[in-house]
Amino acid sequence: MNTHLRSFDRFVITILAGLIAALLGVVLIGSWQGSRLPELAASEVGSRGPLELTFAGGQGLPGVEGYVRLEPETAVRAQWQGTTLQIWPEKALTAGKTYTLILAKGAPGPNGQVTRREGRWEVRVRSAQVMYLHPAQSPDLWRAALDGSPAQALTQSGGKVFDFGVSPSGRWAAVSIRNDTAGVDIWRVSREGGAGEILVSCGKEMCTNPAWSPDERQLAYSRRRVSSTTGQPGLPRIELLDLASGQAAPLYADPEVSGFEPVWSPDGQRLAFFDGMAGAIRIVSLSGGEEDLLLPSQMGMVGSWSPDGRRMAYLDMQLTSAAPLVTLYEANLESGKVRPFPLKGDFTLTEFAQPEWSPDGEWLLAGLRSLEGPVSKQLWLIRADGSEAQALTDNFTQTHAAYRWSPLGDALVYQQLSLGASAYRPEVWVRWEDGQFLRVAEDAALPNWLP
């Protein structure tokens, strides 16, 4: 037997040794260099975020959240969505401004590695646009910028859109669209338009009032089922859709708990909706362990959460010597105490429309009209402590509704209708904080902001 290695064997061994050495070198260099920095998902976001970093080779790396910050300094909350870390600002970012997203050195990476250098990414905040329904009587969903550029249709349903809800990021709208069986389905439509995606197929039943959770992981909506025996619609009930799994389920097992117009609390931990069977606004803790809070009301609508989630402003009917009056109330959601909203001045003969809390918590926006004056409702600002109230509109031939604050609170969008003109269609308007007005669309209704 030949004890000497043949030249070919020596060649193979040499190559293998070289490969092993190279591999060890890569491992050592990788360990020295640390974990690779993540990639920025998008360089432009809406005022509410989120800013997103996608990590390679790891799903939910614990502890990374503590290494993330924004400049200028901004309070944020972070959560994982698969391999992507979402950074949500606690308050709306300034439109048109550029922020720097920073990942500090030492952040955990996959395989026990850490980042050896700081990551910095520039992110610009886009200007908010407006979504609305047009034409008002047989609508589709439209969006319009406020720079005079042409508006864009986002759906082509042939006038079958019922209502919609805008996602916090502004990337999507959940749209209730009538189907061919007289029911209403819920679709997801991109802010860019194009082909949508059906989220909830409801057949002959009506699924409406879609509302996104603040983290965009769930969609709440109202579903009115149809009796299999009589074919008649039953009570509306609140359902929750998990957007990752596509699974939907009623919020309550009890079929006697009805519900429509769901509204999420700012932190996403509670849900408010109107329960017609109870004759009240029902507020439920989604984490369990707490009894539902019921706010009796005859109005059939939900109120407005304060930005800190501690209070709710809402409407109820009050009997007076003159006439029944729709009055503004305030509920302290920590103590459960309810009182008429404290207003300085004489509002005894004033009827209120739906209140909307400003993003900074300093003001309420509401429609008001005097029982002794015209039937039109004018827009008013009311201090959160009731110490001041001021009218924003004073044309009593026009009535105002469906008003919303912009994400930053520097503008209002609303629906305006002229009274006394049978052929007149509603219009969508914006009012800026400096008192300037802009007509966004004619023959349009139910506007909302698109961050």
Protein backbone atom coordinates (compact mmCIF):
# COMPACT_ATOMS: atom_id res chain seq x y z
CA MET A 1 0.00 0.00 0.00
CA ASN A 2 1.40 3.43 -0.98
CA THR A 3 1.89 5.53 2.20
CA HIS A 4 2.39 8.72 0.26
CA LEU A 5 -0.60 10.84 -0.73
CA ARG A 6 -1.13 11.17 -4.37
CA SER A 7 -0.82 14.67 -5.74
CA PHE A 8 -4.56 14.85 -6.45
CA ASP A 9 -5.41 14.00 -2.82
CA ARG A 10 -3.03 16.66 -1.58
CA PHE A 11 -4.69 19.17 -3.93
CA VAL A 12 -8.21 18.39 -2.61
CA ILE A 13 -7.10 18.66 1.01
CA THR A 14 -5.43 21.98 0.29
CA ILE A 15 -8.61 23.36 -1.31
CA LEU A 16 -10.78 22.19 1.62
CA ALA A 17 -8.40 23.71 4.12
CA GLY A 18 -8.53 26.97 2.21
CA LEU A 19 -12.33 27.00 2.16
CA ILE A 20 -12.51 26.32 5.89
CA ALA A 21 -10.05 29.12 6.57
CA ALA A 22 -12.06 31.49 4.37
CA LEU A 23 -15.29 30.56 6.14
CA LEU A 24 -13.71 31.13 9.54
CA GLY A 25 -12.45 34.46 8.28
CA VAL A 26 -15.94 35.50 7.16
CA VAL A 27 -17.37 34.49 10.54
CA LEU A 28 -14.68 36.41 12.40
CA ILE A 29 -15.06 39.47 10.19
CA GLY A 30 -18.85 39.30 10.50
CA SER A 31 -18.54 39.07 14.27
CA TRP A 32 -16.17 42.02 14.24
CA GLN A 33 -18.40 44.08 11.95
CA GLY A 34 -21.56 43.07 13.83
CA SER A 35 -25.12 42.75 12.57
CA ARG A 36 -26.06 44.30 9.24
CA LEU A 37 -28.17 47.45 9.49
CA PRO A 38 -31.86 47.10 8.57
CA GLU A 39 -33.44 48.72 5.52
CA LEU A 40 -35.83 51.66 5.59
CA ALA A 41 -39.18 50.57 4.15
CA ALA A 42 -40.23 53.99 2.81
CA SER A 43 -38.62 57.43 2.74
CA GLU A 44 -42.00 59.19 2.91
CA VAL A 45 -44.78 58.67 5.47
CA GLY A 46 -47.98 60.31 6.63
CA SER A 47 -48.22 62.48 9.74
CA ARG A 48 -49.19 59.52 11.91
CA GLY A 49 -46.41 57.22 10.62
CA PRO A 50 -45.34 54.55 10.93
CA LEU A 51 -41.65 54.73 10.07
CA GLU A 52 -40.50 51.18 9.32
CA LEU A 53 -37.20 49.29 9.47
CA THR A 54 -36.99 45.80 7.96
CA PHE A 55 -34.43 43.43 9.51
CA ALA A 56 -32.84 40.50 7.69
CA GLY A 57 -32.71 37.11 9.37
CA GLY A 58 -34.78 37.82 12.45
CA GLN A 59 -38.45 37.99 13.31
CA GLY A 60 -39.03 40.29 16.24
CA LEU A 61 -35.64 40.99 17.80
CA PRO A 62 -36.33 41.75 21.49
CA GLY A 63 -34.74 44.91 22.80
CA VAL A 64 -34.25 46.70 19.49
CA GLU A 65 -37.06 49.10 20.38
CA GLY A 66 -34.88 50.74 23.04
CA TYR A 67 -32.24 51.70 20.47
CA VAL A 68 -34.58 53.65 18.18
CA ARG A 69 -35.22 57.38 18.31
CA LEU A 70 -36.34 60.28 16.12
CA GLU A 71 -34.73 63.66 15.55
CA PRO A 72 -36.12 66.21 16.20
CA GLU A 73 -36.91 64.43 19.47
CA THR A 74 -40.34 62.83 19.26
CA ALA A 75 -42.08 60.40 21.58
CA VAL A 76 -42.69 57.11 19.76
CA ARG A 77 -43.98 53.60 20.38
CA ALA A 78 -42.55 50.63 18.52
CA GLN A 79 -44.00 47.26 17.59
CA TRP A 80 -42.99 44.31 15.44
CA GLN A 81 -44.84 43.21 12.34
CA GLY A 82 -42.96 40.10 11.24
CA THR A 83 -39.39 41.20 10.44
CA THR A 84 -40.38 44.86 10.30
CA LEU A 85 -40.14 47.23 13.25
CA GLN A 86 -42.87 49.87 13.08
CA ILE A 87 -42.20 53.19 14.82
CA TRP A 88 -45.41 55.10 15.51
CA PRO A 89 -45.18 58.73 16.72
CA GLU A 90 -47.26 59.53 19.80
CA LYS A 91 -48.27 62.84 18.21
CA ALA A 92 -48.66 63.73 14.56
CA LEU A 93 -45.50 64.61 12.68
CA THR A 94 -45.27 67.96 10.88
CA ALA A 95 -46.20 67.75 7.20
CA GLY A 96 -43.44 68.80 4.82
CA LYS A 97 -40.75 68.27 7.46
CA THR A 98 -37.89 65.76 7.30
CA TYR A 99 -37.13 63.63 10.36
CA THR A 100 -34.06 61.49 11.06
CA LEU A 101 -34.69 57.95 12.23
CA ILE A 102 -31.74 56.69 14.27
CA LEU A 103 -30.80 53.16 15.30
CA ALA A 104 -28.04 53.37 17.94
CA LYS A 105 -24.95 51.19 18.02
CA GLY A 106 -25.28 48.00 20.03
CA ALA A 107 -28.83 47.18 18.95
CA PRO A 108 -29.52 43.41 19.04
CA GLY A 109 -29.32 41.57 15.73
CA PRO A 110 -29.89 37.98 14.57
CA ASN A 111 -27.64 35.13 15.79
CA GLY A 112 -26.60 37.02 18.90
CA GLN A 113 -24.86 39.78 16.98
CA VAL A 114 -25.22 43.51 17.61
CA THR A 115 -24.93 46.56 15.37
CA ARG A 116 -21.41 48.00 15.44
CA ARG A 117 -22.34 51.34 13.90
CA GLU A 118 -25.18 53.81 14.10
CA GLY A 119 -27.89 53.74 11.44
CA ARG A 120 -29.45 56.99 10.22
CA TRP A 121 -32.27 57.41 7.70
CA GLU A 122 -34.03 60.55 6.45
CA VAL A 123 -37.84 60.37 6.28
CA ARG A 124 -40.07 63.09 4.85
CA VAL A 125 -43.65 63.65 6.04
CA ARG A 126 -46.11 64.10 3.19
CA SER A 127 -48.93 66.64 3.24
CA ALA A 128 -52.37 65.40 4.18
CA GLN A 129 -55.02 65.03 1.48
CA VAL A 130 -58.79 64.62 1.68
CA MET A 131 -60.92 61.54 0.97
CA TYR A 132 -64.62 61.88 0.23
CA LEU A 133 -67.58 60.30 -1.57
CA HIS A 134 -68.59 61.59 -5.01
CA PRO A 135 -71.14 62.04 -6.46
CA ALA A 136 -73.14 62.29 -3.25
CA GLN A 137 -76.17 60.23 -4.38
CA SER A 138 -74.35 57.33 -6.09
CA PRO A 139 -70.81 57.60 -4.80
CA ASP A 140 -67.36 56.22 -5.33
CA LEU A 141 -64.34 57.01 -3.18
CA TRP A 142 -62.13 59.92 -4.24
CA ARG A 143 -59.03 61.67 -2.93
CA ALA A 144 -57.85 65.19 -3.53
CA ALA A 145 -54.64 67.04 -2.76
CA LEU A 146 -55.00 70.61 -1.57
CA ASP A 147 -52.57 72.08 -4.11
CA GLY A 148 -55.06 72.35 -6.97
CA SER A 149 -54.02 69.14 -8.73
CA PRO A 150 -56.83 66.97 -10.20
CA ALA A 151 -58.74 64.69 -7.83
CA GLN A 152 -58.48 60.92 -8.31
CA ALA A 153 -61.15 58.22 -8.12
CA LEU A 154 -59.97 55.33 -5.94
CA THR A 155 -62.87 52.99 -6.62
CA GLN A 156 -64.87 52.21 -9.76
CA SER A 157 -67.91 50.57 -8.20
CA GLY A 158 -70.52 52.32 -10.31
CA GLY A 159 -71.81 54.31 -7.34
CA LYS A 160 -72.06 51.41 -4.86
CA VAL A 161 -69.83 52.74 -2.06
CA PHE A 162 -71.67 52.94 1.28
CA ASP A 163 -69.00 54.33 3.64
CA PHE A 164 -65.28 54.07 4.38
CA GLY A 165 -62.59 54.32 7.05
CA VAL A 166 -59.05 55.64 6.54
CA SER A 167 -56.13 53.70 8.04
CA PRO A 168 -53.90 55.64 10.49
CA SER A 169 -50.91 55.37 8.15
CA GLY A 170 -52.91 56.72 5.22
CA ARG A 171 -51.83 53.79 3.05
CA TRP A 172 -55.29 52.21 2.91
CA ALA A 173 -59.00 52.77 3.11
CA ALA A 174 -61.48 50.13 4.20
CA VAL A 175 -64.51 50.66 1.96
CA SER A 176 -68.01 49.25 2.35
CA ILE A 177 -69.34 48.46 -1.15
CA ARG A 178 -72.75 47.08 -2.10
CA ASN A 179 -72.59 43.70 -3.81
CA ASP A 180 -74.86 42.00 -6.35
CA THR A 181 -76.93 40.21 -3.67
CA ALA A 182 -78.11 43.45 -1.97
CA GLY A 183 -75.53 43.01 0.78
CA VAL A 184 -72.45 45.09 1.58
CA ASP A 185 -68.86 43.77 1.59
CA ILE A 186 -65.74 45.43 2.98
CA TRP A 187 -62.79 46.03 0.66
CA ARG A 188 -59.27 47.33 1.20
CA VAL A 189 -58.22 50.00 -1.31
CA SER A 190 -54.77 51.56 -1.64
CA ARG A 191 -54.34 55.34 -1.47
CA GLU A 192 -53.08 55.02 -5.04
CA GLY A 193 -56.29 53.36 -6.23
CA GLY A 194 -56.26 50.39 -8.59
CA ALA A 195 -57.70 46.95 -7.94
CA GLY A 196 -58.88 46.52 -4.37
CA GLU A 197 -58.84 43.46 -2.14
CA ILE A 198 -61.92 42.09 -0.43
CA LEU A 199 -61.49 41.84 3.34
CA VAL A 200 -64.92 40.65 4.47
CA SER A 201 -67.34 38.94 2.10
CA CYS A 202 -70.80 39.40 3.59
CA GLY A 203 -73.19 37.98 0.98
CA LYS A 204 -76.71 39.24 1.65
CA GLU A 205 -75.67 40.77 4.96
CA MET A 206 -74.54 44.37 5.46
CA CYS A 207 -71.02 45.05 6.74
CA THR A 208 -70.50 48.77 7.33
CA ASN A 209 -68.74 51.35 9.56
CA PRO A 210 -65.18 49.98 9.10
CA ALA A 211 -62.76 51.37 11.71
CA TRP A 212 -59.02 50.62 11.83
CA SER A 213 -57.28 49.98 15.12
CA PRO A 214 -54.48 52.49 15.86
CA ASP A 215 -51.82 49.85 15.08
CA GLU A 216 -53.63 48.75 11.88
CA ARG A 217 -53.74 45.13 13.04
CA GLN A 218 -57.52 44.90 13.42
CA LEU A 219 -60.61 46.24 11.73
CA ALA A 220 -63.83 46.75 13.66
CA TYR A 221 -67.11 46.96 11.75
CA SER A 222 -70.84 46.50 12.15
CA ARG A 223 -72.49 43.44 10.60
CA ARG A 224 -76.26 43.19 10.17
CA ARG A 225 -77.05 39.52 9.62
CA VAL A 226 -80.07 38.22 7.74
CA SER A 227 -82.42 35.64 9.27
CA SER A 228 -82.22 32.29 7.49
CA THR A 229 -85.94 31.72 8.13
CA THR A 230 -87.54 35.11 7.45
CA GLY A 231 -84.89 36.71 5.25
CA GLN A 232 -85.22 39.87 7.34
CA PRO A 233 -82.18 41.78 8.66
CA GLY A 234 -81.41 41.24 12.32
CA LEU A 235 -79.60 43.36 14.88
CA PRO A 236 -76.32 44.95 13.86
CA ARG A 237 -73.41 43.48 15.81
CA ILE A 238 -69.77 44.49 16.13
CA GLU A 239 -67.18 42.14 14.63
CA LEU A 240 -63.39 42.27 14.71
CA LEU A 241 -61.22 41.24 11.77
CA ASP A 242 -57.62 40.18 12.37
CA LEU A 243 -55.90 41.59 9.29
CA ALA A 244 -52.90 39.22 9.46
CA SER A 245 -54.91 35.99 9.56
CA GLY A 246 -58.05 37.21 7.81
CA GLN A 247 -60.17 35.72 10.62
CA ALA A 248 -63.24 37.62 11.79
CA ALA A 249 -65.44 37.01 14.84
CA PRO A 250 -68.22 38.79 16.77
CA LEU A 251 -66.98 40.94 19.62
CA TYR A 252 -69.68 39.47 21.90
CA ALA A 253 -71.02 35.94 22.00
CA ASP A 254 -74.30 37.32 23.33
CA PRO A 255 -76.50 38.03 20.27
CA GLU A 256 -78.48 40.61 22.27
CA VAL A 257 -75.53 43.00 22.41
CA SER A 258 -76.09 45.10 19.31
CA GLY A 259 -73.65 47.60 17.90
CA PHE A 260 -72.75 50.03 15.15
CA GLU A 261 -70.35 52.94 14.59
CA PRO A 262 -67.32 51.44 16.37
CA VAL A 263 -64.65 53.95 17.46
CA TRP A 264 -61.26 52.88 18.87
CA SER A 265 -59.69 54.55 21.88
CA PRO A 266 -56.44 56.40 21.09
CA ASP A 267 -54.34 53.60 22.64
CA GLY A 268 -56.33 50.83 20.93
CA GLN A 269 -57.15 49.13 24.23
CA ARG A 270 -60.87 49.94 24.22
CA LEU A 271 -63.68 50.14 21.72
CA ALA A 272 -66.78 52.33 21.89
CA PHE A 273 -69.93 51.73 19.87
CA PHE A 274 -73.64 52.43 20.09
CA ASP A 275 -75.68 49.56 21.50
CA GLY A 276 -79.28 50.14 20.44
CA MET A 277 -80.61 47.34 22.65
CA ALA A 278 -79.07 48.98 25.70
CA GLY A 279 -79.91 52.51 24.53
CA ALA A 280 -76.36 53.55 25.32
CA ILE A 281 -72.83 54.06 24.13
CA ARG A 282 -71.02 50.89 25.22
CA ILE A 283 -67.30 51.05 26.01
CA VAL A 284 -65.51 47.71 26.26
CA SER A 285 -61.96 46.90 27.35
CA LEU A 286 -60.47 44.55 24.75
CA SER A 287 -57.97 43.12 27.24
CA GLY A 288 -60.80 41.91 29.49
CA GLY A 289 -61.05 42.11 33.24
CA GLU A 290 -63.25 45.21 33.30
CA GLU A 291 -66.99 45.63 33.12
CA ASP A 292 -68.40 47.48 30.15
CA LEU A 293 -69.16 51.15 30.72
CA LEU A 294 -72.58 52.28 29.47
CA LEU A 295 -73.30 55.93 28.71
CA PRO A 296 -77.09 56.26 28.25
CA SER A 297 -77.99 58.23 25.14
CA GLN A 298 -80.98 58.53 22.83
CA MET A 299 -78.99 59.82 19.88
CA GLY A 300 -77.85 56.56 18.25
CA MET A 301 -74.26 57.72 17.79
CA VAL A 302 -70.90 57.46 19.52
CA GLY A 303 -69.05 60.42 20.99
CA SER A 304 -65.44 61.57 20.62
CA TRP A 305 -62.52 60.29 22.70
CA SER A 306 -60.19 62.87 24.22
CA PRO A 307 -56.61 62.37 22.92
CA ASP A 308 -55.52 60.91 26.27
CA GLY A 309 -58.47 58.50 26.28
CA ARG A 310 -59.70 59.67 29.69
CA ARG A 311 -62.85 61.49 28.61
CA MET A 312 -65.57 61.24 26.02
CA ALA A 313 -67.70 64.09 24.71
CA TYR A 314 -71.07 62.93 23.38
CA LEU A 315 -74.69 63.93 22.79
CA ASP A 316 -77.96 63.11 24.50
CA MET A 317 -81.49 64.42 24.46
CA GLN A 318 -82.54 66.77 27.26
CA LEU A 319 -86.14 67.70 27.95
CA THR A 320 -86.66 71.44 28.49
CA SER A 321 -89.72 73.61 28.94
CA ALA A 322 -89.25 74.92 25.41
CA ALA A 323 -88.58 71.69 23.51
CA PRO A 324 -86.44 68.55 23.55
CA LEU A 325 -82.85 69.66 23.13
CA VAL A 326 -79.75 67.80 21.89
CA THR A 327 -77.18 68.63 24.55
CA LEU A 328 -73.43 68.13 24.92
CA TYR A 329 -72.24 65.83 27.73
CA GLU A 330 -68.87 64.82 29.11
CA ALA A 331 -68.01 61.42 30.61
CA ASN A 332 -64.98 60.86 32.81
CA LEU A 333 -64.02 57.34 31.74
CA GLU A 334 -61.83 56.74 34.79
CA SER A 335 -64.47 57.55 37.39
CA GLY A 336 -67.52 56.79 35.26
CA LYS A 337 -69.08 60.15 36.17
CA VAL A 338 -71.19 62.00 33.59
CA ARG A 339 -72.19 65.66 33.51
CA PRO A 340 -73.46 68.24 31.04
CA PHE A 341 -70.45 69.80 29.37
CA PRO A 342 -69.41 72.86 31.41
CA LEU A 343 -70.00 75.83 29.13
CA LYS A 344 -69.45 79.48 29.99
CA GLY A 345 -72.27 81.61 28.63
CA ASP A 346 -75.91 81.04 27.83
CA PHE A 347 -76.42 77.89 25.72
CA THR A 348 -79.76 76.91 27.23
CA LEU A 349 -81.57 77.09 23.87
CA THR A 350 -78.69 75.78 21.77
CA GLU A 351 -78.75 72.43 20.03
CA PHE A 352 -75.47 70.61 19.46
CA ALA A 353 -74.24 68.27 16.75
CA GLN A 354 -71.50 65.64 17.03
CA PRO A 355 -68.41 66.89 18.94
CA GLU A 356 -64.85 66.25 17.72
CA TRP A 357 -61.87 66.60 20.06
CA SER A 358 -58.82 68.41 18.68
CA PRO A 359 -55.54 66.43 18.45
CA ASP A 360 -53.96 68.52 21.23
CA GLY A 361 -56.97 68.08 23.53
CA GLU A 362 -57.47 71.85 23.89
CA TRP A 363 -60.67 72.27 21.87
CA LEU A 364 -63.91 70.64 20.81
CA LEU A 365 -65.33 71.23 17.35
CA ALA A 366 -69.11 70.99 17.08
CA GLY A 367 -72.08 72.12 15.05
CA LEU A 368 -74.44 74.46 16.91
CA ARG A 369 -77.77 76.08 16.23
CA SER A 370 -80.11 78.18 18.33
CA LEU A 371 -83.72 77.06 18.67
CA GLU A 372 -84.63 80.71 18.24
CA GLY A 373 -82.74 81.06 14.94
CA PRO A 374 -82.33 79.36 11.55
CA VAL A 375 -82.21 75.55 11.27
CA SER A 376 -78.69 75.56 9.85
CA LYS A 377 -75.80 74.37 12.03
CA GLN A 378 -72.66 76.51 12.25
CA LEU A 379 -69.18 75.34 13.20
CA TRP A 380 -68.00 76.34 16.67
CA LEU A 381 -64.82 75.87 18.70
CA ILE A 382 -65.28 75.18 22.41
CA ARG A 383 -62.47 75.13 24.97
CA ALA A 384 -62.02 71.71 26.56
CA ASP A 385 -62.78 73.24 29.97
CA GLY A 386 -65.81 75.11 28.60
CA SER A 387 -64.32 78.53 29.36
CA GLU A 388 -64.53 79.86 25.80
CA ALA A 389 -66.62 79.31 22.67
CA GLN A 390 -66.31 80.95 19.26
CA ALA A 391 -68.12 80.61 15.94
CA LEU A 392 -66.07 79.68 12.87
CA THR A 393 -68.89 80.05 10.33
CA ASP A 394 -71.83 82.45 10.30
CA ASN A 395 -73.63 81.99 6.96
CA PHE A 396 -77.04 80.81 8.11
CA THR A 397 -78.12 79.84 4.59
CA GLN A 398 -75.63 76.97 4.82
CA THR A 399 -75.48 74.05 7.22
CA HIS A 400 -72.34 72.12 8.16
CA ALA A 401 -71.74 68.47 9.04
CA ALA A 402 -69.22 65.60 8.87
CA TYR A 403 -66.39 67.77 10.18
CA ARG A 404 -62.93 66.43 11.06
CA TRP A 405 -59.68 67.82 12.41
CA SER A 406 -56.51 67.43 10.37
CA PRO A 407 -53.83 65.20 11.96
CA LEU A 408 -51.96 68.26 13.25
CA GLY A 409 -55.09 70.18 14.21
CA ASP A 410 -54.21 73.07 11.89
CA ALA A 411 -57.21 72.66 9.57
CA LEU A 412 -60.77 71.35 9.42
CA VAL A 413 -62.54 69.48 6.64
CA TYR A 414 -66.32 69.42 6.52
CA GLN A 415 -69.43 68.99 4.41
CA GLN A 416 -71.45 72.09 3.54
CA LEU A 417 -74.98 72.27 2.15
CA SER A 418 -76.92 75.35 1.06
CA LEU A 419 -80.50 75.45 2.32
CA GLY A 420 -83.51 76.45 0.26
CA ALA A 421 -82.06 75.34 -3.09
CA SER A 422 -83.58 72.03 -4.18
CA ALA A 423 -80.95 71.32 -6.83
CA TYR A 424 -78.00 72.15 -4.56
CA ARG A 425 -75.54 69.36 -3.79
CA PRO A 426 -73.27 69.12 -0.76
CA GLU A 427 -69.71 70.36 -1.07
CA VAL A 428 -66.48 69.52 0.74
CA TRP A 429 -64.54 72.42 2.22
CA VAL A 430 -61.36 72.94 4.22
CA ARG A 431 -60.86 75.75 6.72
CA TRP A 432 -57.28 76.57 7.74
CA GLU A 433 -56.37 77.85 11.19
CA ASP A 434 -55.67 81.33 9.75
CA GLY A 435 -59.32 81.60 8.68
CA GLN A 436 -58.81 80.85 4.98
CA PHE A 437 -61.29 78.55 3.21
CA LEU A 438 -60.83 76.16 0.27
CA ARG A 439 -63.54 74.34 -1.64
CA VAL A 440 -62.21 70.85 -2.31
CA ALA A 441 -65.06 69.21 -4.22
CA GLU A 442 -68.62 69.78 -5.40
CA ASP A 443 -71.40 67.19 -5.15
CA ALA A 444 -69.33 65.42 -2.49
CA ALA A 445 -69.98 64.13 1.02
CA LEU A 446 -68.56 62.56 4.21
CA PRO A 447 -64.98 63.85 3.94
CA ASN A 448 -62.06 62.63 6.01
CA TRP A 449 -58.33 63.31 6.11
CA LEU A 450 -55.87 61.06 4.32
CA PRO A 451 -52.49 61.37 6.12
